[in-house]
């Protein structure tokens, strides 16, 4: 049985839930998620300048 990293499983779950766009601020702790998102290529990422911007982005002007 092939093993999957937990972070790759998390990205697959996001895909199955219909996520097509994510907003965020990269940092050391979250970088493995960004790597997994890039490898899969199915979820678009939009960079925010700060956490508050990432939080508000889906509500105001997010691509649909």
C-alpha atoms as a PDB file:
ATOM      1  CA  UNK A   1       0.000   0.000   0.000  1.00  0.00           C
ATOM      2  CA  UNK A   2       1.417   3.356  -1.013  1.00  0.00           C
ATOM      3  CA  UNK A   3       1.877   5.886   1.772  1.00  0.00           C
ATOM      4  CA  UNK A   4       0.720   9.473   1.478  1.00  0.00           C
ATOM      5  CA  UNK A   5       2.021  12.386   3.507  1.00  0.00           C
ATOM      6  CA  UNK A   6      -0.564  14.038   5.746  1.00  0.00           C
ATOM      7  CA  UNK A   7      -0.119  17.381   3.986  1.00  0.00           C
ATOM      8  CA  UNK A   8      -0.839  15.767   0.607  1.00  0.00           C
ATOM      9  CA  UNK A   9      -3.950  14.144   2.093  1.00  0.00           C
ATOM     10  CA  UNK A  10      -5.056  17.577   3.361  1.00  0.00           C
ATOM     11  CA  UNK A  11      -4.792  19.015  -0.167  1.00  0.00           C
ATOM     12  CA  UNK A  12      -6.791  16.101  -1.590  1.00  0.00           C
ATOM     13  CA  UNK A  13      -9.504  16.681   1.006  1.00  0.00           C
ATOM     14  CA  UNK A  14      -9.654  20.360   0.020  1.00  0.00           C
ATOM     15  CA  UNK A  15     -10.027  19.285  -3.622  1.00  0.00           C
ATOM     16  CA  UNK A  16     -12.825  16.846  -2.777  1.00  0.00           C
ATOM     17  CA  UNK A  17     -14.622  19.606  -0.869  1.00  0.00           C
ATOM     18  CA  UNK A  18     -14.563  21.751  -4.003  1.00  0.00           C
ATOM     19  CA  UNK A  19     -11.932  24.299  -2.999  1.00  0.00           C
ATOM     20  CA  UNK A  20     -10.520  26.002  -6.097  1.00  0.00           C
ATOM     21  CA  UNK A  21      -8.930  29.100  -4.561  1.00  0.00           C
ATOM     22  CA  UNK A  22      -7.017  29.690  -1.316  1.00  0.00           C
ATOM     23  CA  UNK A  23      -5.866  32.939   0.267  1.00  0.00           C
ATOM     24  CA  UNK A  24      -2.952  33.259   2.640  1.00  0.00           C
ATOM     25  CA  UNK A  25       0.390  34.505   3.819  1.00  0.00           C
ATOM     26  CA  UNK A  26       3.360  32.140   3.427  1.00  0.00           C
ATOM     27  CA  UNK A  27       5.568  31.419   6.407  1.00  0.00           C
ATOM     28  CA  UNK A  28       7.882  28.710   7.682  1.00  0.00           C
ATOM     29  CA  UNK A  29       5.173  26.650   9.391  1.00  0.00           C
ATOM     30  CA  UNK A  30       2.790  26.645   6.401  1.00  0.00           C
ATOM     31  CA  UNK A  31       5.357  26.171   3.612  1.00  0.00           C
ATOM     32  CA  UNK A  32       4.755  22.392   3.327  1.00  0.00           C
ATOM     33  CA  UNK A  33       1.120  23.149   2.471  1.00  0.00           C
ATOM     34  CA  UNK A  34       2.183  25.603  -0.223  1.00  0.00           C
ATOM     35  CA  UNK A  35       4.537  22.979  -1.656  1.00  0.00           C
ATOM     36  CA  UNK A  36       1.748  20.399  -1.734  1.00  0.00           C
ATOM     37  CA  UNK A  37      -0.650  22.877  -3.382  1.00  0.00           C
ATOM     38  CA  UNK A  38       1.935  23.668  -6.045  1.00  0.00           C
ATOM     39  CA  UNK A  39       2.649  19.976  -6.725  1.00  0.00           C
ATOM     40  CA  UNK A  40      -1.059  19.199  -7.270  1.00  0.00           C
ATOM     41  CA  UNK A  41      -1.763  22.382  -9.221  1.00  0.00           C
ATOM     42  CA  UNK A  42      -5.528  22.155  -8.707  1.00  0.00           C
ATOM     43  CA  UNK A  43      -6.017  24.957  -6.160  1.00  0.00           C
ATOM     44  CA  UNK A  44      -5.119  28.516  -7.075  1.00  0.00           C
ATOM     45  CA  UNK A  45      -3.382  30.532  -4.354  1.00  0.00           C
ATOM     46  CA  UNK A  46      -3.732  34.281  -3.902  1.00  0.00           C
ATOM     47  CA  UNK A  47      -1.053  35.960  -1.821  1.00  0.00           C
ATOM     48  CA  UNK A  48      -2.198  38.433   0.826  1.00  0.00           C
ATOM     49  CA  UNK A  49       0.031  41.109   2.350  1.00  0.00           C
ATOM     50  CA  UNK A  50      -1.117  40.328   5.886  1.00  0.00           C
ATOM     51  CA  UNK A  51      -3.390  37.922   7.738  1.00  0.00           C
ATOM     52  CA  UNK A  52      -6.296  40.372   7.915  1.00  0.00           C
ATOM     53  CA  UNK A  53      -6.149  40.757   4.141  1.00  0.00           C
ATOM     54  CA  UNK A  54      -6.264  36.997   3.684  1.00  0.00           C
ATOM     55  CA  UNK A  55      -9.264  36.775   6.002  1.00  0.00           C
ATOM     56  CA  UNK A  56     -11.259  39.481   4.203  1.00  0.00           C
ATOM     57  CA  UNK A  57     -10.305  38.479   0.642  1.00  0.00           C
ATOM     58  CA  UNK A  58     -12.979  35.794   0.203  1.00  0.00           C
ATOM     59  CA  UNK A  59     -15.654  38.297   1.233  1.00  0.00           C
ATOM     60  CA  UNK A  60     -14.514  41.227  -0.893  1.00  0.00           C
ATOM     61  CA  UNK A  61     -13.458  40.796  -4.485  1.00  0.00           C
ATOM     62  CA  UNK A  62     -12.575  37.137  -4.463  1.00  0.00           C
ATOM     63  CA  UNK A  63     -12.610  35.473  -7.882  1.00  0.00           C
ATOM     64  CA  UNK A  64     -15.525  33.032  -8.205  1.00  0.00           C
END
